[in-house]
Amino acid sequence: MLQTIDYLEAILEQQHRAEAEAAPDFYASELREMLGYTADGLRVALDRAMQACAALRMPVTLNFRRIYCWQGGEMAEDWQLSRLAGYLLIVNSDPRNPAVAQAQWMLFKKSYSF
């Protein structure tokens, strides 16, 4: 019986550690403003980013967390994004948008340190 409780505690501790490591680095609303997106435009990129995350077999729920915020007297949906989720969101955004193209270029330069 005590071994079972110890095992469960170890599992819970591991999950808490994984959640802490995946603490949000970005909010989707912040990236939407930076990239000049509408809510619908962001949703398309967000869906594609989640699909990419799932295809990589990364835990989508740890990288993309739906939250609700009180804004302008009403409840609004937002997303907490891990660093990976923020990267995937920018990479899967529409490069015809100049702000998106600039963000993608910045990610490229940061990755290759020219």
PDB file of N, CA and C in Angstrom:
ATOM      1  N   MET A   1       0.821  -1.188   0.000  1.00  0.00           N
ATOM      2  CA  MET A   1       0.000   0.000   0.000  1.00  0.00           C
ATOM      3  C   MET A   1       0.868   1.256   0.000  1.00  0.00           C
ATOM      4  N   LEU A   2       1.886   1.318   0.854  1.00  0.00           N
ATOM      5  CA  LEU A   2       2.761   2.483   0.913  1.00  0.00           C
ATOM      6  C   LEU A   2       3.556   2.650  -0.370  1.00  0.00           C
ATOM      7  N   GLN A   3       3.917   1.525  -0.997  1.00  0.00           N
ATOM      8  CA  GLN A   3       4.640   1.619  -2.259  1.00  0.00           C
ATOM      9  C   GLN A   3       3.768   2.250  -3.329  1.00  0.00           C
ATOM     10  N   THR A   4       2.481   1.956  -3.334  1.00  0.00           N
ATOM     11  CA  THR A   4       1.552   2.539  -4.302  1.00  0.00           C
ATOM     12  C   THR A   4       1.465   4.046  -4.115  1.00  0.00           C
ATOM     13  N   ILE A   5       1.368   4.495  -2.862  1.00  0.00           N
ATOM     14  CA  ILE A   5       1.288   5.927  -2.587  1.00  0.00           C
ATOM     15  C   ILE A   5       2.582   6.619  -3.005  1.00  0.00           C
ATOM     16  N   ASP A   6       3.722   5.998  -2.705  1.00  0.00           N
ATOM     17  CA  ASP A   6       5.000   6.576  -3.120  1.00  0.00           C
ATOM     18  C   ASP A   6       5.078   6.684  -4.639  1.00  0.00           C
ATOM     19  N   TYR A   7       4.585   5.665  -5.321  1.00  0.00           N
ATOM     20  CA  TYR A   7       4.585   5.660  -6.782  1.00  0.00           C
ATOM     21  C   TYR A   7       3.713   6.782  -7.320  1.00  0.00           C
ATOM     22  N   LEU A   8       2.534   6.958  -6.753  1.00  0.00           N
ATOM     23  CA  LEU A   8       1.640   8.027  -7.188  1.00  0.00           C
ATOM     24  C   LEU A   8       2.246   9.399  -6.918  1.00  0.00           C
ATOM     25  N   GLU A   9       2.894   9.549  -5.773  1.00  0.00           N
ATOM     26  CA  GLU A   9       3.555  10.818  -5.468  1.00  0.00           C
ATOM     27  C   GLU A   9       4.664  11.107  -6.467  1.00  0.00           C
ATOM     28  N   ALA A  10       5.391  10.087  -6.855  1.00  0.00           N
ATOM     29  CA  ALA A  10       6.461  10.270  -7.841  1.00  0.00           C
ATOM     30  C   ALA A  10       5.880  10.700  -9.187  1.00  0.00           C
ATOM     31  N   ILE A  11       4.769  10.122  -9.575  1.00  0.00           N
ATOM     32  CA  ILE A  11       4.120  10.499 -10.841  1.00  0.00           C
ATOM     33  C   ILE A  11       3.649  11.951 -10.787  1.00  0.00           C
ATOM     34  N   LEU A  12       3.001  12.320  -9.690  1.00  0.00           N
ATOM     35  CA  LEU A  12       2.523  13.697  -9.550  1.00  0.00           C
ATOM     36  C   LEU A  12       3.678  14.699  -9.537  1.00  0.00           C
ATOM     37  N   GLU A  13       4.756  14.350  -8.866  1.00  0.00           N
ATOM     38  CA  GLU A  13       5.924  15.223  -8.829  1.00  0.00           C
ATOM     39  C   GLU A  13       6.506  15.398 -10.223  1.00  0.00           C
ATOM     40  N   GLN A  14       6.574  14.316 -10.982  1.00  0.00           N
ATOM     41  CA  GLN A  14       7.086  14.379 -12.345  1.00  0.00           C
ATOM     42  C   GLN A  14       6.192  15.265 -13.217  1.00  0.00           C
ATOM     43  N   GLN A  15       4.887  15.145 -13.059  1.00  0.00           N
ATOM     44  CA  GLN A  15       3.976  15.970 -13.844  1.00  0.00           C
ATOM     45  C   GLN A  15       4.107  17.446 -13.476  1.00  0.00           C
ATOM     46  N   HIS A  16       4.225  17.751 -12.191  1.00  0.00           N
ATOM     47  CA  HIS A  16       4.393  19.140 -11.770  1.00  0.00           C
ATOM     48  C   HIS A  16       5.693  19.723 -12.318  1.00  0.00           C
ATOM     49  N   ARG A  17       6.737  18.918 -12.325  1.00  0.00           N
ATOM     50  CA  ARG A  17       8.020  19.375 -12.867  1.00  0.00           C
ATOM     51  C   ARG A  17       7.900  19.658 -14.362  1.00  0.00           C
ATOM     52  N   ALA A  18       7.213  18.774 -15.088  1.00  0.00           N
ATOM     53  CA  ALA A  18       7.028  18.970 -16.529  1.00  0.00           C
ATOM     54  C   ALA A  18       6.210  20.227 -16.805  1.00  0.00           C
ATOM     55  N   GLU A  19       5.183  20.465 -15.996  1.00  0.00           N
ATOM     56  CA  GLU A  19       4.363  21.661 -16.168  1.00  0.00           C
ATOM     57  C   GLU A  19       5.162  22.924 -15.845  1.00  0.00           C
ATOM     58  N   ALA A  20       6.008  22.868 -14.843  1.00  0.00           N
ATOM     59  CA  ALA A  20       6.827  24.031 -14.482  1.00  0.00           C
ATOM     60  C   ALA A  20       7.829  24.343 -15.588  1.00  0.00           C
ATOM     61  N   GLU A  21       8.395  23.303 -16.198  1.00  0.00           N
ATOM     62  CA  GLU A  21       9.355  23.507 -17.279  1.00  0.00           C
ATOM     63  C   GLU A  21       8.676  24.078 -18.513  1.00  0.00           C
ATOM     64  N   ALA A  22       7.396  23.791 -18.678  1.00  0.00           N
ATOM     65  CA  ALA A  22       6.648  24.278 -19.829  1.00  0.00           C
ATOM     66  C   ALA A  22       5.871  25.543 -19.478  1.00  0.00           C
ATOM     67  N   ALA A  23       6.353  26.299 -18.505  1.00  0.00           N
ATOM     68  CA  ALA A  23       5.678  27.539 -18.103  1.00  0.00           C
ATOM     69  C   ALA A  23       5.582  28.463 -19.313  1.00  0.00           C
ATOM     70  N   PRO A  24       4.491  29.208 -19.423  1.00  0.00           N
ATOM     71  CA  PRO A  24       4.286  30.024 -20.616  1.00  0.00           C
ATOM     72  C   PRO A  24       5.323  31.130 -20.763  1.00  0.00           C
ATOM     73  N   ASP A  25       5.801  31.272 -21.976  1.00  0.00           N
ATOM     74  CA  ASP A  25       6.734  32.341 -22.298  1.00  0.00           C
ATOM     75  C   ASP A  25       6.026  33.475 -23.024  1.00  0.00           C
ATOM     76  N   PHE A  26       4.895  33.150 -23.664  1.00  0.00           N
ATOM     77  CA  PHE A  26       4.154  34.116 -24.464  1.00  0.00           C
ATOM     78  C   PHE A  26       2.659  33.949 -24.223  1.00  0.00           C
ATOM     79  N   TYR A  27       1.931  34.987 -24.578  1.00  0.00           N
ATOM     80  CA  TYR A  27       0.479  34.905 -24.681  1.00  0.00           C
ATOM     81  C   TYR A  27       0.137  35.130 -26.144  1.00  0.00           C
ATOM     82  N   ALA A  28      -0.807  34.362 -26.656  1.00  0.00           N
ATOM     83  CA  ALA A  28      -1.191  34.486 -28.062  1.00  0.00           C
ATOM     84  C   ALA A  28      -1.654  35.903 -28.378  1.00  0.00           C
ATOM     85  N   SER A  29      -2.337  36.545 -27.444  1.00  0.00           N
ATOM     86  CA  SER A  29      -2.812  37.913 -27.684  1.00  0.00           C
ATOM     87  C   SER A  29      -1.641  38.878 -27.889  1.00  0.00           C
ATOM     88  N   GLU A  30      -0.544  38.673 -27.183  1.00  0.00           N
ATOM     89  CA  GLU A  30       0.635  39.529 -27.354  1.00  0.00           C
ATOM     90  C   GLU A  30       1.245  39.330 -28.750  1.00  0.00           C
ATOM     91  N   LEU A  31       1.362  38.077 -29.154  1.00  0.00           N
ATOM     92  CA  LEU A  31       1.904  37.798 -30.484  1.00  0.00           C
ATOM     93  C   LEU A  31       0.964  38.307 -31.570  1.00  0.00           C
ATOM     94  N   ARG A  32      -0.346  38.203 -31.335  1.00  0.00           N
ATOM     95  CA  ARG A  32      -1.322  38.703 -32.312  1.00  0.00           C
ATOM     96  C   ARG A  32      -1.110  40.198 -32.535  1.00  0.00           C
ATOM     97  N   GLU A  33      -0.919  40.947 -31.465  1.00  0.00           N
ATOM     98  CA  GLU A  33      -0.687  42.384 -31.593  1.00  0.00           C
ATOM     99  C   GLU A  33       0.630  42.675 -32.311  1.00  0.00           C
ATOM    100  N   MET A  34       1.680  41.953 -31.931  1.00  0.00           N
ATOM    101  CA  MET A  34       2.990  42.167 -32.556  1.00  0.00           C
ATOM    102  C   MET A  34       2.961  41.850 -34.044  1.00  0.00           C
ATOM    103  N   LEU A  35       2.202  40.815 -34.418  1.00  0.00           N
ATOM    104  CA  LEU A  35       2.168  40.368 -35.807  1.00  0.00           C
ATOM    105  C   LEU A  35       1.068  41.052 -36.620  1.00  0.00           C
ATOM    106  N   GLY A  36       0.246  41.864 -35.966  1.00  0.00           N
ATOM    107  CA  GLY A  36      -0.803  42.581 -36.676  1.00  0.00           C
ATOM    108  C   GLY A  36      -1.918  41.691 -37.187  1.00  0.00           C
ATOM    109  N   TYR A  37      -2.226  40.639 -36.454  1.00  0.00           N
ATOM    110  CA  TYR A  37      -3.264  39.703 -36.857  1.00  0.00           C
ATOM    111  C   TYR A  37      -4.617  40.062 -36.277  1.00  0.00           C
ATOM    112  N   THR A  38      -5.661  39.608 -36.958  1.00  0.00           N
ATOM    113  CA  THR A  38      -6.995  39.601 -36.376  1.00  0.00           C
ATOM    114  C   THR A  38      -7.118  38.304 -35.588  1.00  0.00           C
ATOM    115  N   ALA A  39      -8.186  38.184 -34.808  1.00  0.00           N
ATOM    116  CA  ALA A  39      -8.396  36.947 -34.039  1.00  0.00           C
ATOM    117  C   ALA A  39      -8.536  35.746 -34.968  1.00  0.00           C
ATOM    118  N   ASP A  40      -9.227  35.918 -36.105  1.00  0.00           N
ATOM    119  CA  ASP A  40      -9.409  34.804 -37.041  1.00  0.00           C
ATOM    120  C   ASP A  40      -8.100  34.409 -37.708  1.00  0.00           C
ATOM    121  N   GLY A  41      -7.304  35.396 -38.088  1.00  0.00           N
ATOM    122  CA  GLY A  41      -6.015  35.106 -38.714  1.00  0.00           C
ATOM    123  C   GLY A  41      -5.088  34.378 -37.765  1.00  0.00           C
ATOM    124  N   LEU A  42      -5.108  34.784 -36.518  1.00  0.00           N
ATOM    125  CA  LEU A  42      -4.286  34.114 -35.517  1.00  0.00           C
ATOM    126  C   LEU A  42      -4.754  32.682 -35.305  1.00  0.00           C
ATOM    127  N   ARG A  43      -6.051  32.472 -35.344  1.00  0.00           N
ATOM    128  CA  ARG A  43      -6.604  31.132 -35.109  1.00  0.00           C
ATOM    129  C   ARG A  43      -6.085  30.130 -36.139  1.00  0.00           C
ATOM    130  N   VAL A  44      -5.978  30.554 -37.394  1.00  0.00           N
ATOM    131  CA  VAL A  44      -5.458  29.673 -38.450  1.00  0.00           C
ATOM    132  C   VAL A  44      -4.018  29.276 -38.134  1.00  0.00           C
ATOM    133  N   ALA A  45      -3.191  30.255 -37.798  1.00  0.00           N
ATOM    134  CA  ALA A  45      -1.785  29.975 -37.471  1.00  0.00           C
ATOM    135  C   ALA A  45      -1.680  29.132 -36.205  1.00  0.00           C
ATOM    136  N   LEU A  46      -2.541  29.393 -35.230  1.00  0.00           N
ATOM    137  CA  LEU A  46      -2.539  28.635 -33.978  1.00  0.00           C
ATOM    138  C   LEU A  46      -2.900  27.171 -34.230  1.00  0.00           C
ATOM    139  N   ASP A  47      -3.907  26.936 -35.075  1.00  0.00           N
ATOM    140  CA  ASP A  47      -4.291  25.563 -35.418  1.00  0.00           C
ATOM    141  C   ASP A  47      -3.143  24.834 -36.106  1.00  0.00           C
ATOM    142  N   ARG A  48      -2.487  25.506 -37.033  1.00  0.00           N
ATOM    143  CA  ARG A  48      -1.360  24.882 -37.735  1.00  0.00           C
ATOM    144  C   ARG A  48      -0.207  24.596 -36.783  1.00  0.00           C
ATOM    145  N   ALA A  49       0.047  25.506 -35.857  1.00  0.00           N
ATOM    146  CA  ALA A  49       1.123  25.316 -34.884  1.00  0.00           C
ATOM    147  C   ALA A  49       0.813  24.121 -33.983  1.00  0.00           C
ATOM    148  N   MET A  50      -0.441  23.974 -33.575  1.00  0.00           N
ATOM    149  CA  MET A  50      -0.830  22.828 -32.743  1.00  0.00           C
ATOM    150  C   MET A  50      -0.688  21.520 -33.522  1.00  0.00           C
ATOM    151  N   GLN A  51      -1.044  21.542 -34.803  1.00  0.00           N
ATOM    152  CA  GLN A  51      -0.876  20.344 -35.630  1.00  0.00           C
ATOM    153  C   GLN A  51       0.597  19.974 -35.762  1.00  0.00           C
ATOM    154  N   ALA A  52       1.443  20.967 -35.919  1.00  0.00           N
ATOM    155  CA  ALA A  52       2.887  20.707 -36.014  1.00  0.00           C
ATOM    156  C   ALA A  52       3.405  20.128 -34.704  1.00  0.00           C
ATOM    157  N   CYS A  53       2.940  20.667 -33.594  1.00  0.00           N
ATOM    158  CA  CYS A  53       3.353  20.180 -32.277  1.00  0.00           C
ATOM    159  C   CYS A  53       2.949  18.719 -32.111  1.00  0.00           C
ATOM    160  N   ALA A  54       1.719  18.397 -32.493  1.00  0.00           N
ATOM    161  CA  ALA A  54       1.237  17.018 -32.393  1.00  0.00           C
ATOM    162  C   ALA A  54       2.024  16.096 -33.327  1.00  0.00           C
ATOM    163  N   ALA A  55       2.346  16.573 -34.530  1.00  0.00           N
ATOM    164  CA  ALA A  55       3.116  15.765 -35.479  1.00  0.00           C
ATOM    165  C   ALA A  55       4.514  15.470 -34.955  1.00  0.00           C
ATOM    166  N   LEU A  56       5.051  16.377 -34.156  1.00  0.00           N
ATOM    167  CA  LEU A  56       6.364  16.170 -33.535  1.00  0.00           C
ATOM    168  C   LEU A  56       6.280  15.278 -32.296  1.00  0.00           C
ATOM    169  N   ARG A  57       5.054  14.876 -31.969  1.00  0.00           N
ATOM    170  CA  ARG A  57       4.785  14.060 -30.778  1.00  0.00           C
ATOM    171  C   ARG A  57       5.193  14.779 -29.488  1.00  0.00           C
ATOM    172  N   MET A  58       4.987  16.090 -29.498  1.00  0.00           N
ATOM    173  CA  MET A  58       5.215  16.908 -28.312  1.00  0.00           C
ATOM    174  C   MET A  58       3.863  17.094 -27.627  1.00  0.00           C
ATOM    175  N   PRO A  59       3.825  17.205 -26.312  1.00  0.00           N
ATOM    176  CA  PRO A  59       2.543  17.352 -25.617  1.00  0.00           C
ATOM    177  C   PRO A  59       1.895  18.712 -25.907  1.00  0.00           C
ATOM    178  N   VAL A  60       0.843  18.676 -26.699  1.00  0.00           N
ATOM    179  CA  VAL A  60       0.146  19.902 -27.094  1.00  0.00           C
ATOM    180  C   VAL A  60      -0.401  20.639 -25.868  1.00  0.00           C
ATOM    181  N   THR A  61      -0.955  19.890 -24.921  1.00  0.00           N
ATOM    182  CA  THR A  61      -1.577  20.528 -23.752  1.00  0.00           C
ATOM    183  C   THR A  61      -0.564  21.221 -22.840  1.00  0.00           C
ATOM    184  N   LEU A  62       0.687  20.821 -22.882  1.00  0.00           N
ATOM    185  CA  LEU A  62       1.706  21.494 -22.079  1.00  0.00           C
ATOM    186  C   LEU A  62       2.284  22.715 -22.791  1.00  0.00           C
ATOM    187  N   ASN A  63       2.145  22.764 -24.098  1.00  0.00           N
ATOM    188  CA  ASN A  63       2.697  23.869 -24.874  1.00  0.00           C
ATOM    189  C   ASN A  63       1.665  24.927 -25.236  1.00  0.00           C
ATOM    190  N   PHE A  64       0.401  24.540 -25.327  1.00  0.00           N
ATOM    191  CA  PHE A  64      -0.694  25.449 -25.666  1.00  0.00           C
ATOM    192  C   PHE A  64      -1.763  25.307 -24.586  1.00  0.00           C
ATOM    193  N   ARG A  65      -1.951  26.339 -23.797  1.00  0.00           N
ATOM    194  CA  ARG A  65      -2.958  26.283 -22.727  1.00  0.00           C
ATOM    195  C   ARG A  65      -3.991  27.380 -22.943  1.00  0.00           C
ATOM    196  N   ARG A  66      -5.247  26.951 -23.101  1.00  0.00           N
ATOM    197  CA  ARG A  66      -6.330  27.924 -23.271  1.00  0.00           C
ATOM    198  C   ARG A  66      -6.638  28.561 -21.924  1.00  0.00           C
ATOM    199  N   ILE A  67      -6.725  29.871 -21.922  1.00  0.00           N
ATOM    200  CA  ILE A  67      -7.098  30.606 -20.713  1.00  0.00           C
ATOM    201  C   ILE A  67      -8.170  31.620 -21.096  1.00  0.00           C
ATOM    202  N   TYR A  68      -8.803  32.186 -20.095  1.00  0.00           N
ATOM    203  CA  TYR A  68      -9.813  33.220 -20.324  1.00  0.00           C
ATOM    204  C   TYR A  68      -9.451  34.434 -19.488  1.00  0.00           C
ATOM    205  N   CYS A  69      -9.553  35.612 -20.090  1.00  0.00           N
ATOM    206  CA  CYS A  69      -9.211  36.869 -19.432  1.00  0.00           C
ATOM    207  C   CYS A  69     -10.407  37.806 -19.515  1.00  0.00           C
ATOM    208  N   TRP A  70     -10.486  38.668 -18.546  1.00  0.00           N
ATOM    209  CA  TRP A  70     -11.533  39.673 -18.526  1.00  0.00           C
ATOM    210  C   TRP A  70     -10.988  40.911 -19.231  1.00  0.00           C
ATOM    211  N   GLN A  71     -11.546  41.253 -20.410  1.00  0.00           N
ATOM    212  CA  GLN A  71     -11.064  42.402 -21.183  1.00  0.00           C
ATOM    213  C   GLN A  71     -12.247  43.235 -21.650  1.00  0.00           C
ATOM    214  N   GLY A  72     -12.212  44.496 -21.366  1.00  0.00           N
ATOM    215  CA  GLY A  72     -13.259  45.395 -21.840  1.00  0.00           C
ATOM    216  C   GLY A  72     -14.652  45.018 -21.391  1.00  0.00           C
ATOM    217  N   GLY A  73     -14.766  44.497 -20.195  1.00  0.00           N
ATOM    218  CA  GLY A  73     -16.074  44.152 -19.660  1.00  0.00           C
ATOM    219  C   GLY A  73     -16.635  42.820 -20.143  1.00  0.00           C
ATOM    220  N   GLU A  74     -15.825  42.025 -20.814  1.00  0.00           N
ATOM    221  CA  GLU A  74     -16.289  40.708 -21.252  1.00  0.00           C
ATOM    222  C   GLU A  74     -15.165  39.679 -21.179  1.00  0.00           C
ATOM    223  N   MET A  75     -15.557  38.423 -21.165  1.00  0.00           N
ATOM    224  CA  MET A  75     -14.607  37.326 -21.086  1.00  0.00           C
ATOM    225  C   MET A  75     -14.032  37.059 -22.478  1.00  0.00           C
ATOM    226  N   ALA A  76     -12.699  36.991 -22.573  1.00  0.00           N
ATOM    227  CA  ALA A  76     -12.028  36.766 -23.854  1.00  0.00           C
ATOM    228  C   ALA A  76     -11.104  35.558 -23.745  1.00  0.00           C
ATOM    229  N   GLU A  77     -11.059  34.780 -24.803  1.00  0.00           N
ATOM    230  CA  GLU A  77     -10.176  33.616 -24.866  1.00  0.00           C
ATOM    231  C   GLU A  77      -8.761  34.073 -25.205  1.00  0.00           C
ATOM    232  N   ASP A  78      -7.785  33.441 -24.584  1.00  0.00           N
ATOM    233  CA  ASP A  78      -6.381  33.670 -24.908  1.00  0.00           C
ATOM    234  C   ASP A  78      -5.668  32.338 -24.752  1.00  0.00           C
ATOM    235  N   TRP A  79      -4.418  32.307 -25.126  1.00  0.00           N
ATOM    236  CA  TRP A  79      -3.610  31.084 -25.007  1.00  0.00           C
ATOM    237  C   TRP A  79      -2.290  31.424 -24.359  1.00  0.00           C
ATOM    238  N   GLN A  80      -1.875  30.601 -23.410  1.00  0.00           N
ATOM    239  CA  GLN A  80      -0.521  30.677 -22.884  1.00  0.00           C
ATOM    240  C   GLN A  80       0.319  29.749 -23.753  1.00  0.00           C
ATOM    241  N   LEU A  81       1.442  30.247 -24.211  1.00  0.00           N
ATOM    242  CA  LEU A  81       2.289  29.489 -25.136  1.00  0.00           C
ATOM    243  C   LEU A  81       3.671  29.278 -24.546  1.00  0.00           C
ATOM    244  N   SER A  82       4.174  28.062 -24.692  1.00  0.00           N
ATOM    245  CA  SER A  82       5.564  27.794 -24.314  1.00  0.00           C
ATOM    246  C   SER A  82       6.467  28.413 -25.376  1.00  0.00           C
ATOM    247  N   ARG A  83       7.742  28.374 -25.149  1.00  0.00           N
ATOM    248  CA  ARG A  83       8.691  28.887 -26.148  1.00  0.00           C
ATOM    249  C   ARG A  83       8.546  28.129 -27.469  1.00  0.00           C
ATOM    250  N   LEU A  84       8.397  26.800 -27.378  1.00  0.00           N
ATOM    251  CA  LEU A  84       8.193  25.994 -28.587  1.00  0.00           C
ATOM    252  C   LEU A  84       6.920  26.415 -29.296  1.00  0.00           C
ATOM    253  N   ALA A  85       5.834  26.597 -28.558  1.00  0.00           N
ATOM    254  CA  ALA A  85       4.558  26.977 -29.162  1.00  0.00           C
ATOM    255  C   ALA A  85       4.662  28.351 -29.834  1.00  0.00           C
ATOM    256  N   GLY A  86       5.347  29.291 -29.199  1.00  0.00           N
ATOM    257  CA  GLY A  86       5.541  30.607 -29.802  1.00  0.00           C
ATOM    258  C   GLY A  86       6.323  30.518 -31.101  1.00  0.00           C
ATOM    259  N   TYR A  87       7.358  29.698 -31.096  1.00  0.00           N
ATOM    260  CA  TYR A  87       8.155  29.480 -32.306  1.00  0.00           C
ATOM    261  C   TYR A  87       7.286  28.875 -33.408  1.00  0.00           C
ATOM    262  N   LEU A  88       6.546  27.811 -33.067  1.00  0.00           N
ATOM    263  CA  LEU A  88       5.693  27.161 -34.063  1.00  0.00           C
ATOM    264  C   LEU A  88       4.620  28.100 -34.588  1.00  0.00           C
ATOM    265  N   LEU A  89       4.101  28.958 -33.733  1.00  0.00           N
ATOM    266  CA  LEU A  89       3.086  29.919 -34.171  1.00  0.00           C
ATOM    267  C   LEU A  89       3.656  30.882 -35.203  1.00  0.00           C
ATOM    268  N   ILE A  90       4.837  31.411 -34.937  1.00  0.00           N
ATOM    269  CA  ILE A  90       5.449  32.353 -35.883  1.00  0.00           C
ATOM    270  C   ILE A  90       5.810  31.659 -37.185  1.00  0.00           C
ATOM    271  N   VAL A  91       6.371  30.476 -37.099  1.00  0.00           N
ATOM    272  CA  VAL A  91       6.784  29.740 -38.290  1.00  0.00           C
ATOM    273  C   VAL A  91       5.576  29.353 -39.153  1.00  0.00           C
ATOM    274  N   ASN A  92       4.432  29.095 -38.522  1.00  0.00           N
ATOM    275  CA  ASN A  92       3.239  28.686 -39.253  1.00  0.00           C
ATOM    276  C   ASN A  92       2.302  29.838 -39.574  1.00  0.00           C
ATOM    277  N   SER A  93       2.776  31.061 -39.412  1.00  0.00           N
ATOM    278  CA  SER A  93       1.985  32.243 -39.759  1.00  0.00           C
ATOM    279  C   SER A  93       2.192  32.601 -41.230  1.00  0.00           C
ATOM    280  N   ASP A  94       1.350  33.472 -41.734  1.00  0.00           N
ATOM    281  CA  ASP A  94       1.356  33.867 -43.146  1.00  0.00           C
ATOM    282  C   ASP A  94       2.524  34.816 -43.442  1.00  0.00           C
ATOM    283  N   PRO A  95       3.513  34.390 -44.226  1.00  0.00           N
ATOM    284  CA  PRO A  95       4.686  35.230 -44.490  1.00  0.00           C
ATOM    285  C   PRO A  95       4.390  36.418 -45.398  1.00  0.00           C
ATOM    286  N   ARG A  96       3.183  36.495 -45.967  1.00  0.00           N
ATOM    287  CA  ARG A  96       2.823  37.666 -46.774  1.00  0.00           C
ATOM    288  C   ARG A  96       2.583  38.887 -45.896  1.00  0.00           C
ATOM    289  N   ASN A  97       2.376  38.654 -44.614  1.00  0.00           N
ATOM    290  CA  ASN A  97       2.236  39.739 -43.648  1.00  0.00           C
ATOM    291  C   ASN A  97       3.648  40.229 -43.331  1.00  0.00           C
ATOM    292  N   PRO A  98       3.962  41.508 -43.574  1.00  0.00           N
ATOM    293  CA  PRO A  98       5.326  42.004 -43.352  1.00  0.00           C
ATOM    294  C   PRO A  98       5.831  41.805 -41.919  1.00  0.00           C
ATOM    295  N   ALA A  99       4.955  41.949 -40.932  1.00  0.00           N
ATOM    296  CA  ALA A  99       5.378  41.752 -39.533  1.00  0.00           C
ATOM    297  C   ALA A  99       5.733  40.291 -39.282  1.00  0.00           C
ATOM    298  N   VAL A 100       4.992  39.382 -39.903  1.00  0.00           N
ATOM    299  CA  VAL A 100       5.289  37.951 -39.763  1.00  0.00           C
ATOM    300  C   VAL A 100       6.611  37.627 -40.448  1.00  0.00           C
ATOM    301  N   ALA A 101       6.793  38.145 -41.657  1.00  0.00           N
ATOM    302  CA  ALA A 101       8.049  37.902 -42.384  1.00  0.00           C
ATOM    303  C   ALA A 101       9.243  38.408 -41.572  1.00  0.00           C
ATOM    304  N   GLN A 102       9.099  39.567 -40.949  1.00  0.00           N
ATOM    305  CA  GLN A 102      10.171  40.116 -40.114  1.00  0.00           C
ATOM    306  C   GLN A 102      10.447  39.209 -38.913  1.00  0.00           C
ATOM    307  N   ALA A 103       9.377  38.720 -38.265  1.00  0.00           N
ATOM    308  CA  ALA A 103       9.545  37.825 -37.108  1.00  0.00           C
ATOM    309  C   ALA A 103      10.208  36.514 -37.531  1.00  0.00           C
ATOM    310  N   GLN A 104       9.822  35.988 -38.701  1.00  0.00           N
ATOM    311  CA  GLN A 104      10.445  34.757 -39.185  1.00  0.00           C
ATOM    312  C   GLN A 104      11.914  34.982 -39.497  1.00  0.00           C
ATOM    313  N   TRP A 105      12.248  36.132 -40.069  1.00  0.00           N
ATOM    314  CA  TRP A 105      13.640  36.467 -40.354  1.00  0.00           C
ATOM    315  C   TRP A 105      14.449  36.579 -39.065  1.00  0.00           C
ATOM    316  N   MET A 106      13.859  37.203 -38.045  1.00  0.00           N
ATOM    317  CA  MET A 106      14.539  37.334 -36.755  1.00  0.00           C
ATOM    318  C   MET A 106      14.811  35.952 -36.145  1.00  0.00           C
ATOM    319  N   LEU A 107      13.838  35.045 -36.238  1.00  0.00           N
ATOM    320  CA  LEU A 107      14.048  33.685 -35.725  1.00  0.00           C
ATOM    321  C   LEU A 107      15.166  32.982 -36.481  1.00  0.00           C
ATOM    322  N   PHE A 108      15.188  33.170 -37.796  1.00  0.00           N
ATOM    323  CA  PHE A 108      16.228  32.557 -38.611  1.00  0.00           C
ATOM    324  C   PHE A 108      17.604  33.089 -38.221  1.00  0.00           C
ATOM    325  N   LYS A 109      17.715  34.408 -38.106  1.00  0.00           N
ATOM    326  CA  LYS A 109      19.009  35.004 -37.725  1.00  0.00           C
ATOM    327  C   LYS A 109      19.441  34.540 -36.352  1.00  0.00           C
ATOM    328  N   LYS A 110      18.498  34.448 -35.432  1.00  0.00           N
ATOM    329  CA  LYS A 110      18.840  34.009 -34.064  1.00  0.00           C
ATOM    330  C   LYS A 110      19.316  32.559 -34.067  1.00  0.00           C
ATOM    331  N   SER A 111      18.710  31.745 -34.922  1.00  0.00           N
ATOM    332  CA  SER A 111      19.073  30.318 -34.983  1.00  0.00           C
ATOM    333  C   SER A 111      20.455  30.104 -35.591  1.00  0.00           C
ATOM    334  N   TYR A 112      20.804  30.936 -36.557  1.00  0.00           N
ATOM    335  CA  TYR A 112      22.067  30.713 -37.265  1.00  0.00           C
ATOM    336  C   TYR A 112      23.148  31.729 -36.929  1.00  0.00           C
ATOM    337  N   SER A 113      22.862  32.711 -36.127  1.00  0.00           N
ATOM    338  CA  SER A 113      23.839  33.692 -35.625  1.00  0.00           C
ATOM    339  C   SER A 113      24.778  34.199 -36.722  1.00  0.00           C
ATOM    340  N   PHE A 114      24.239  34.904 -37.676  1.00  0.00           N
ATOM    341  CA  PHE A 114      25.070  35.488 -38.744  1.00  0.00           C
ATOM    342  C   PHE A 114      25.921  36.595 -38.207  1.00  0.00           C
TER     343      PHE A 114
END
